Amino acid sequence: AQDSFIKHSIHEINTPLAVIMTHIDLFKMKEGENRYLAKIEAASKIISNIYADLSYMVKKNRFVYTKKDLDVSNFLEERVDFFSEIALGNRHKIISEIQNDIWLHFSLEELQRIIDNNLSNAIKYANRGTDVKVILLEGEDEIILKFLTVSPKIEDTERIFKAFERENDVRGGFGLGLEIVYTICQKENVKIDVESDDEMTVFSYSFKKEGQDEGLIT
């Protein structure tokens, strides 16, 4: 009954959310930008990300996500652009260093969950007024995706991948997002590396181009 309620609720959210986002775009075309509209747009995008996470959680055990050849460079640019308004609303700027023409055989929906949840968390936890940095580069046998923030040190870099776990009362929990990221990475043998000290936190993801090894957290 609970699962049925969640599925129904997610379905009911979709239409009004689409209406809100469409009318934001129409209003911008007619009236131009303003700071109040920017806040509404940022909030609607946050809700959109939460909706996508919930939708993925409901579908993941009964739906096969099709893999295809993806232009990761262009797709990452699109997601950075999507989150830029949210970042500005939180007094951050997203700085991207994205190598061109990088391709990966992967599910678009699952790649989006990895990217979006990392961007969302980076914006949420970065120190106020600091930049969020996104790096994409291609090595000989792997593709590396990194998210860098100046943010409070993460003491336990494994615990954060459990939904709603709290390190302390100040930091709070990471919600569903990183658990979804972890689940996808384990399934697809994507290596996760988290480094965090008093100056910087870096989330790195290594996608093997061929001959994939077992996914790990280091």
C-alpha atoms as a PDB file:
ATOM      1  CA  ALA A   1       0.000   0.000   0.000  1.00  0.00           C
ATOM      2  CA  GLN A   2       2.841   2.371   0.853  1.00  0.00           C
ATOM      3  CA  ASP A   3       4.630   1.645  -2.446  1.00  0.00           C
ATOM      4  CA  SER A   4       1.395   2.217  -4.340  1.00  0.00           C
ATOM      5  CA  PHE A   5       0.887   5.548  -2.565  1.00  0.00           C
ATOM      6  CA  ILE A   6       4.436   6.672  -3.395  1.00  0.00           C
ATOM      7  CA  LYS A   7       4.048   5.690  -7.062  1.00  0.00           C
ATOM      8  CA  HIS A   8       0.730   7.522  -7.297  1.00  0.00           C
ATOM      9  CA  SER A   9       2.140  10.604  -5.559  1.00  0.00           C
ATOM     10  CA  ILE A  10       5.117  10.758  -7.914  1.00  0.00           C
ATOM     11  CA  HIS A  11       2.784  10.534 -10.898  1.00  0.00           C
ATOM     12  CA  GLU A  12       0.604  13.325  -9.492  1.00  0.00           C
ATOM     13  CA  ILE A  13       3.619  15.619  -8.996  1.00  0.00           C
ATOM     14  CA  ASN A  14       4.762  15.331 -12.609  1.00  0.00           C
ATOM     15  CA  THR A  15       2.028  17.365 -14.309  1.00  0.00           C
ATOM     16  CA  PRO A  16       1.974  20.434 -12.013  1.00  0.00           C
ATOM     17  CA  LEU A  17       5.776  20.499 -11.972  1.00  0.00           C
ATOM     18  CA  ALA A  18       5.867  20.488 -15.788  1.00  0.00           C
ATOM     19  CA  VAL A  19       3.279  23.290 -15.858  1.00  0.00           C
ATOM     20  CA  ILE A  20       5.314  25.407 -13.420  1.00  0.00           C
ATOM     21  CA  MET A  21       8.555  24.998 -15.381  1.00  0.00           C
ATOM     22  CA  THR A  22       6.863  25.662 -18.732  1.00  0.00           C
ATOM     23  CA  HIS A  23       5.235  28.856 -17.485  1.00  0.00           C
ATOM     24  CA  ILE A  24       8.507  30.057 -15.983  1.00  0.00           C
ATOM     25  CA  ASP A  25      10.057  29.793 -19.456  1.00  0.00           C
ATOM     26  CA  LEU A  26       7.084  31.570 -21.047  1.00  0.00           C
ATOM     27  CA  PHE A  27       7.205  34.365 -18.469  1.00  0.00           C
ATOM     28  CA  LYS A  28      10.943  34.839 -19.054  1.00  0.00           C
ATOM     29  CA  MET A  29      10.349  35.103 -22.806  1.00  0.00           C
ATOM     30  CA  LYS A  30       7.634  37.724 -22.301  1.00  0.00           C
ATOM     31  CA  GLU A  31       8.897  39.751 -19.337  1.00  0.00           C
ATOM     32  CA  GLY A  32      12.615  38.961 -19.147  1.00  0.00           C
ATOM     33  CA  GLU A  33      14.645  37.935 -16.112  1.00  0.00           C
ATOM     34  CA  ASN A  34      14.058  39.134 -12.558  1.00  0.00           C
ATOM     35  CA  ARG A  35      15.411  37.986  -9.205  1.00  0.00           C
ATOM     36  CA  TYR A  36      12.063  36.753  -7.887  1.00  0.00           C
ATOM     37  CA  LEU A  37      11.511  34.585 -10.935  1.00  0.00           C
ATOM     38  CA  ALA A  38      15.083  33.282 -10.626  1.00  0.00           C
ATOM     39  CA  LYS A  39      14.332  32.047  -7.091  1.00  0.00           C
ATOM     40  CA  ILE A  40      11.129  30.352  -8.263  1.00  0.00           C
ATOM     41  CA  GLU A  41      13.019  28.710 -11.135  1.00  0.00           C
ATOM     42  CA  ALA A  42      15.790  27.488  -8.827  1.00  0.00           C
ATOM     43  CA  ALA A  43      13.247  26.026  -6.393  1.00  0.00           C
ATOM     44  CA  SER A  44      11.349  24.273  -9.200  1.00  0.00           C
ATOM     45  CA  LYS A  45      14.601  22.723 -10.446  1.00  0.00           C
ATOM     46  CA  ILE A  46      15.362  21.401  -6.959  1.00  0.00           C
ATOM     47  CA  ILE A  47      11.895  19.818  -6.860  1.00  0.00           C
ATOM     48  CA  SER A  48      12.516  18.404 -10.349  1.00  0.00           C
ATOM     49  CA  ASN A  49      15.705  16.708  -9.133  1.00  0.00           C
ATOM     50  CA  ILE A  50      13.912  15.221  -6.114  1.00  0.00           C
ATOM     51  CA  TYR A  51      11.120  14.008  -8.402  1.00  0.00           C
ATOM     52  CA  ALA A  52      13.659  12.317 -10.701  1.00  0.00           C
ATOM     53  CA  ASP A  53      15.305  10.586  -7.717  1.00  0.00           C
ATOM     54  CA  LEU A  54      11.987   9.270  -6.399  1.00  0.00           C
ATOM     55  CA  SER A  55      10.954   8.146  -9.864  1.00  0.00           C
ATOM     56  CA  TYR A  56      14.237   6.259 -10.281  1.00  0.00           C
ATOM     57  CA  MET A  57      13.865   4.559  -6.881  1.00  0.00           C
ATOM     58  CA  VAL A  58      10.386   3.324  -7.806  1.00  0.00           C
ATOM     59  CA  LYS A  59      11.404   2.058 -11.261  1.00  0.00           C
ATOM     60  CA  LYS A  60      14.922   0.674 -10.727  1.00  0.00           C
ATOM     61  CA  ASN A  61      13.932  -2.893  -9.764  1.00  0.00           C
ATOM     62  CA  ARG A  62      11.355  -3.362 -12.518  1.00  0.00           C
ATOM     63  CA  PHE A  63      12.754  -1.334 -15.391  1.00  0.00           C
ATOM     64  CA  VAL A  64      15.805  -1.940 -17.593  1.00  0.00           C
ATOM     65  CA  TYR A  65      17.619   1.277 -18.423  1.00  0.00           C
ATOM     66  CA  THR A  66      18.897   1.033 -21.999  1.00  0.00           C
ATOM     67  CA  LYS A  67      22.522   1.879 -22.632  1.00  0.00           C
ATOM     68  CA  LYS A  68      23.624   3.841 -25.664  1.00  0.00           C
ATOM     69  CA  ASP A  69      26.610   5.844 -26.859  1.00  0.00           C
ATOM     70  CA  LEU A  70      26.426   9.222 -25.133  1.00  0.00           C
ATOM     71  CA  ASP A  71      28.272  12.465 -25.789  1.00  0.00           C
ATOM     72  CA  VAL A  72      29.154  12.964 -22.126  1.00  0.00           C
ATOM     73  CA  SER A  73      30.851  16.300 -22.795  1.00  0.00           C
ATOM     74  CA  ASN A  74      27.720  17.915 -24.231  1.00  0.00           C
ATOM     75  CA  PHE A  75      25.395  16.272 -21.730  1.00  0.00           C
ATOM     76  CA  LEU A  76      27.486  17.434 -18.776  1.00  0.00           C
ATOM     77  CA  GLU A  77      27.462  20.984 -20.161  1.00  0.00           C
ATOM     78  CA  GLU A  78      23.655  20.805 -20.336  1.00  0.00           C
ATOM     79  CA  ARG A  79      23.378  19.651 -16.717  1.00  0.00           C
ATOM     80  CA  VAL A  80      25.803  22.343 -15.527  1.00  0.00           C
ATOM     81  CA  ASP A  81      23.667  24.913 -17.331  1.00  0.00           C
ATOM     82  CA  PHE A  82      20.511  23.494 -15.693  1.00  0.00           C
ATOM     83  CA  PHE A  83      22.013  23.830 -12.203  1.00  0.00           C
ATOM     84  CA  SER A  84      23.636  27.236 -12.748  1.00  0.00           C
ATOM     85  CA  GLU A  85      20.517  29.115 -11.592  1.00  0.00           C
ATOM     86  CA  ILE A  86      20.371  27.038  -8.401  1.00  0.00           C
ATOM     87  CA  ALA A  87      24.064  27.701  -7.798  1.00  0.00           C
ATOM     88  CA  LEU A  88      23.662  31.462  -8.238  1.00  0.00           C
ATOM     89  CA  GLY A  89      20.728  31.439  -5.830  1.00  0.00           C
ATOM     90  CA  ASN A  90      23.057  29.890  -3.247  1.00  0.00           C
ATOM     91  CA  ARG A  91      25.839  32.385  -4.056  1.00  0.00           C
ATOM     92  CA  HIS A  92      27.964  29.880  -5.932  1.00  0.00           C
ATOM     93  CA  LYS A  93      29.281  29.727  -9.468  1.00  0.00           C
ATOM     94  CA  ILE A  94      29.861  26.466 -11.321  1.00  0.00           C
ATOM     95  CA  ILE A  95      33.252  26.380 -13.034  1.00  0.00           C
ATOM     96  CA  SER A  96      33.543  23.619 -15.629  1.00  0.00           C
ATOM     97  CA  GLU A  97      36.634  22.105 -17.219  1.00  0.00           C
ATOM     98  CA  ILE A  98      35.076  19.711 -19.701  1.00  0.00           C
ATOM     99  CA  GLN A  99      37.176  17.993 -22.330  1.00  0.00           C
ATOM    100  CA  ASN A 100      35.376  17.936 -25.669  1.00  0.00           C
ATOM    101  CA  ASP A 101      34.089  14.919 -27.582  1.00  0.00           C
ATOM    102  CA  ILE A 102      34.115  12.340 -24.790  1.00  0.00           C
ATOM    103  CA  TRP A 103      31.763   9.429 -25.435  1.00  0.00           C
ATOM    104  CA  LEU A 104      30.538   6.697 -23.092  1.00  0.00           C
ATOM    105  CA  HIS A 105      28.273   3.653 -23.486  1.00  0.00           C
ATOM    106  CA  PHE A 106      25.890   4.151 -20.572  1.00  0.00           C
ATOM    107  CA  SER A 107      22.269   4.703 -19.612  1.00  0.00           C
ATOM    108  CA  LEU A 108      21.325   8.360 -20.069  1.00  0.00           C
ATOM    109  CA  GLU A 109      18.899   8.254 -17.118  1.00  0.00           C
ATOM    110  CA  GLU A 110      21.472   6.739 -14.770  1.00  0.00           C
ATOM    111  CA  LEU A 111      24.265   9.057 -15.888  1.00  0.00           C
ATOM    112  CA  GLN A 112      21.926  11.974 -15.201  1.00  0.00           C
ATOM    113  CA  ARG A 113      21.260  10.719 -11.668  1.00  0.00           C
ATOM    114  CA  ILE A 114      25.022  10.572 -11.013  1.00  0.00           C
ATOM    115  CA  ILE A 115      25.660  14.054 -12.398  1.00  0.00           C
ATOM    116  CA  ASP A 116      22.574  15.765 -10.978  1.00  0.00           C
ATOM    117  CA  ASN A 117      22.942  14.414  -7.462  1.00  0.00           C
ATOM    118  CA  ASN A 118      26.595  15.367  -7.298  1.00  0.00           C
ATOM    119  CA  LEU A 119      25.878  18.879  -8.567  1.00  0.00           C
ATOM    120  CA  SER A 120      22.957  19.233  -6.158  1.00  0.00           C
ATOM    121  CA  ASN A 121      25.032  18.148  -3.154  1.00  0.00           C
ATOM    122  CA  ALA A 122      28.008  20.259  -4.218  1.00  0.00           C
ATOM    123  CA  ILE A 123      25.814  23.370  -4.347  1.00  0.00           C
ATOM    124  CA  LYS A 124      24.124  22.496  -1.054  1.00  0.00           C
ATOM    125  CA  TYR A 125      27.281  21.878   0.977  1.00  0.00           C
ATOM    126  CA  ALA A 126      29.885  24.214  -0.569  1.00  0.00           C
ATOM    127  CA  ASN A 127      30.915  27.092   1.661  1.00  0.00           C
ATOM    128  CA  ARG A 128      28.913  30.218   0.886  1.00  0.00           C
ATOM    129  CA  GLY A 129      30.408  32.335  -1.886  1.00  0.00           C
ATOM    130  CA  THR A 130      32.792  29.640  -3.155  1.00  0.00           C
ATOM    131  CA  ASP A 131      32.915  28.061  -6.611  1.00  0.00           C
ATOM    132  CA  VAL A 132      31.817  24.532  -7.462  1.00  0.00           C
ATOM    133  CA  LYS A 133      34.210  22.947  -9.940  1.00  0.00           C
ATOM    134  CA  VAL A 134      33.318  20.180 -12.404  1.00  0.00           C
ATOM    135  CA  ILE A 135      36.005  18.336 -14.365  1.00  0.00           C
ATOM    136  CA  LEU A 136      35.612  15.789 -17.171  1.00  0.00           C
ATOM    137  CA  LEU A 137      38.638  14.218 -18.813  1.00  0.00           C
ATOM    138  CA  GLU A 138      39.491  11.113 -20.776  1.00  0.00           C
ATOM    139  CA  GLY A 139      42.413   8.840 -19.995  1.00  0.00           C
ATOM    140  CA  GLU A 140      43.744   5.888 -21.938  1.00  0.00           C
ATOM    141  CA  ASP A 141      41.263   3.366 -20.535  1.00  0.00           C
ATOM    142  CA  GLU A 142      38.862   5.395 -18.400  1.00  0.00           C
ATOM    143  CA  ILE A 143      36.766   8.546 -18.247  1.00  0.00           C
ATOM    144  CA  ILE A 144      37.107  10.635 -15.085  1.00  0.00           C
ATOM    145  CA  LEU A 145      34.322  12.846 -13.735  1.00  0.00           C
ATOM    146  CA  LYS A 146      35.114  15.046 -10.711  1.00  0.00           C
ATOM    147  CA  PHE A 147      33.158  17.441  -8.497  1.00  0.00           C
ATOM    148  CA  LEU A 148      35.220  19.749  -6.272  1.00  0.00           C
ATOM    149  CA  THR A 149      33.995  22.005  -3.475  1.00  0.00           C
ATOM    150  CA  VAL A 150      35.389  24.079  -0.649  1.00  0.00           C
ATOM    151  CA  SER A 151      33.184  22.599   2.061  1.00  0.00           C
ATOM    152  CA  PRO A 152      33.236  21.086   5.572  1.00  0.00           C
ATOM    153  CA  LYS A 153      35.373  17.973   5.875  1.00  0.00           C
ATOM    154  CA  ILE A 154      33.567  14.647   5.479  1.00  0.00           C
ATOM    155  CA  GLU A 155      34.851  12.382   8.253  1.00  0.00           C
ATOM    156  CA  ASP A 156      33.292   9.127   7.038  1.00  0.00           C
ATOM    157  CA  THR A 157      33.360   8.932   3.243  1.00  0.00           C
ATOM    158  CA  GLU A 158      31.488   5.596   3.130  1.00  0.00           C
ATOM    159  CA  ARG A 159      28.648   6.429   5.494  1.00  0.00           C
ATOM    160  CA  ILE A 160      27.502   9.357   3.338  1.00  0.00           C
ATOM    161  CA  PHE A 161      26.324   6.904   0.662  1.00  0.00           C
ATOM    162  CA  LYS A 162      23.604   5.609   2.997  1.00  0.00           C
ATOM    163  CA  ALA A 163      20.325   7.498   2.623  1.00  0.00           C
ATOM    164  CA  PHE A 164      19.624  10.123   5.292  1.00  0.00           C
ATOM    165  CA  GLU A 165      22.716   9.280   7.349  1.00  0.00           C
ATOM    166  CA  ARG A 166      23.984  12.227   9.387  1.00  0.00           C
ATOM    167  CA  GLU A 167      27.636  12.869  10.149  1.00  0.00           C
ATOM    168  CA  ASN A 168      26.662  15.554  12.638  1.00  0.00           C
ATOM    169  CA  ASP A 169      23.889  18.027  13.362  1.00  0.00           C
ATOM    170  CA  VAL A 170      25.656  20.789  11.441  1.00  0.00           C
ATOM    171  CA  ARG A 171      26.152  18.934   8.163  1.00  0.00           C
ATOM    172  CA  GLY A 172      22.896  17.013   8.193  1.00  0.00           C
ATOM    173  CA  GLY A 173      22.044  14.127   5.883  1.00  0.00           C
ATOM    174  CA  PHE A 174      22.667  13.645   2.170  1.00  0.00           C
ATOM    175  CA  GLY A 175      19.181  12.292   1.455  1.00  0.00           C
ATOM    176  CA  LEU A 176      18.463   9.722  -1.243  1.00  0.00           C
ATOM    177  CA  GLY A 177      20.805  11.187  -3.841  1.00  0.00           C
ATOM    178  CA  LEU A 178      24.137   9.642  -2.943  1.00  0.00           C
ATOM    179  CA  GLU A 179      22.579   6.261  -2.190  1.00  0.00           C
ATOM    180  CA  ILE A 180      21.181   6.281  -5.728  1.00  0.00           C
ATOM    181  CA  VAL A 181      24.609   7.274  -7.072  1.00  0.00           C
ATOM    182  CA  TYR A 182      26.246   4.440  -5.110  1.00  0.00           C
ATOM    183  CA  THR A 183      23.689   1.880  -6.320  1.00  0.00           C
ATOM    184  CA  ILE A 184      24.226   2.834  -9.966  1.00  0.00           C
ATOM    185  CA  CYS A 185      28.013   2.858  -9.647  1.00  0.00           C
ATOM    186  CA  GLN A 186      28.089  -0.576  -8.010  1.00  0.00           C
ATOM    187  CA  LYS A 187      25.811  -1.991 -10.715  1.00  0.00           C
ATOM    188  CA  GLU A 188      27.827  -0.476 -13.562  1.00  0.00           C
ATOM    189  CA  ASN A 189      31.316  -0.966 -12.066  1.00  0.00           C
ATOM    190  CA  VAL A 190      32.057   2.735 -11.774  1.00  0.00           C
ATOM    191  CA  LYS A 191      34.828   3.390  -9.270  1.00  0.00           C
ATOM    192  CA  ILE A 192      34.032   6.021  -6.629  1.00  0.00           C
ATOM    193  CA  ASP A 193      36.764   7.960  -4.849  1.00  0.00           C
ATOM    194  CA  VAL A 194      36.020  10.568  -2.174  1.00  0.00           C
ATOM    195  CA  GLU A 195      38.758  12.764  -0.744  1.00  0.00           C
ATOM    196  CA  SER A 196      37.933  15.330   1.917  1.00  0.00           C
ATOM    197  CA  ASP A 197      40.047  17.542   4.153  1.00  0.00           C
ATOM    198  CA  ASP A 198      39.691  20.928   5.833  1.00  0.00           C
ATOM    199  CA  GLU A 199      40.246  22.739   2.528  1.00  0.00           C
ATOM    200  CA  MET A 200      38.495  20.759  -0.194  1.00  0.00           C
ATOM    201  CA  THR A 201      36.179  17.834  -0.912  1.00  0.00           C
ATOM    202  CA  VAL A 202      36.482  15.898  -4.182  1.00  0.00           C
ATOM    203  CA  PHE A 203      34.068  13.275  -5.494  1.00  0.00           C
ATOM    204  CA  SER A 204      35.643  11.330  -8.397  1.00  0.00           C
ATOM    205  CA  TYR A 205      34.007   8.762 -10.668  1.00  0.00           C
ATOM    206  CA  SER A 206      36.010   6.515 -13.002  1.00  0.00           C
ATOM    207  CA  PHE A 207      34.093   4.985 -15.902  1.00  0.00           C
ATOM    208  CA  LYS A 208      36.005   2.163 -17.582  1.00  0.00           C
ATOM    209  CA  LYS A 209      35.902   2.311 -21.368  1.00  0.00           C
ATOM    210  CA  GLU A 210      36.541  -1.419 -21.692  1.00  0.00           C
ATOM    211  CA  GLY A 211      37.518  -4.394 -19.558  1.00  0.00           C
ATOM    212  CA  GLN A 212      35.727  -2.941 -16.540  1.00  0.00           C
ATOM    213  CA  ASP A 213      36.888  -3.887 -13.076  1.00  0.00           C
ATOM    214  CA  GLU A 214      34.749  -4.165  -9.960  1.00  0.00           C
ATOM    215  CA  GLY A 215      33.340  -0.885  -8.647  1.00  0.00           C
ATOM    216  CA  LEU A 216      34.952   0.346  -5.432  1.00  0.00           C
ATOM    217  CA  ILE A 217      34.942   3.140  -2.920  1.00  0.00           C
ATOM    218  CA  THR A 218      38.458   4.146  -1.923  1.00  0.00           C
END
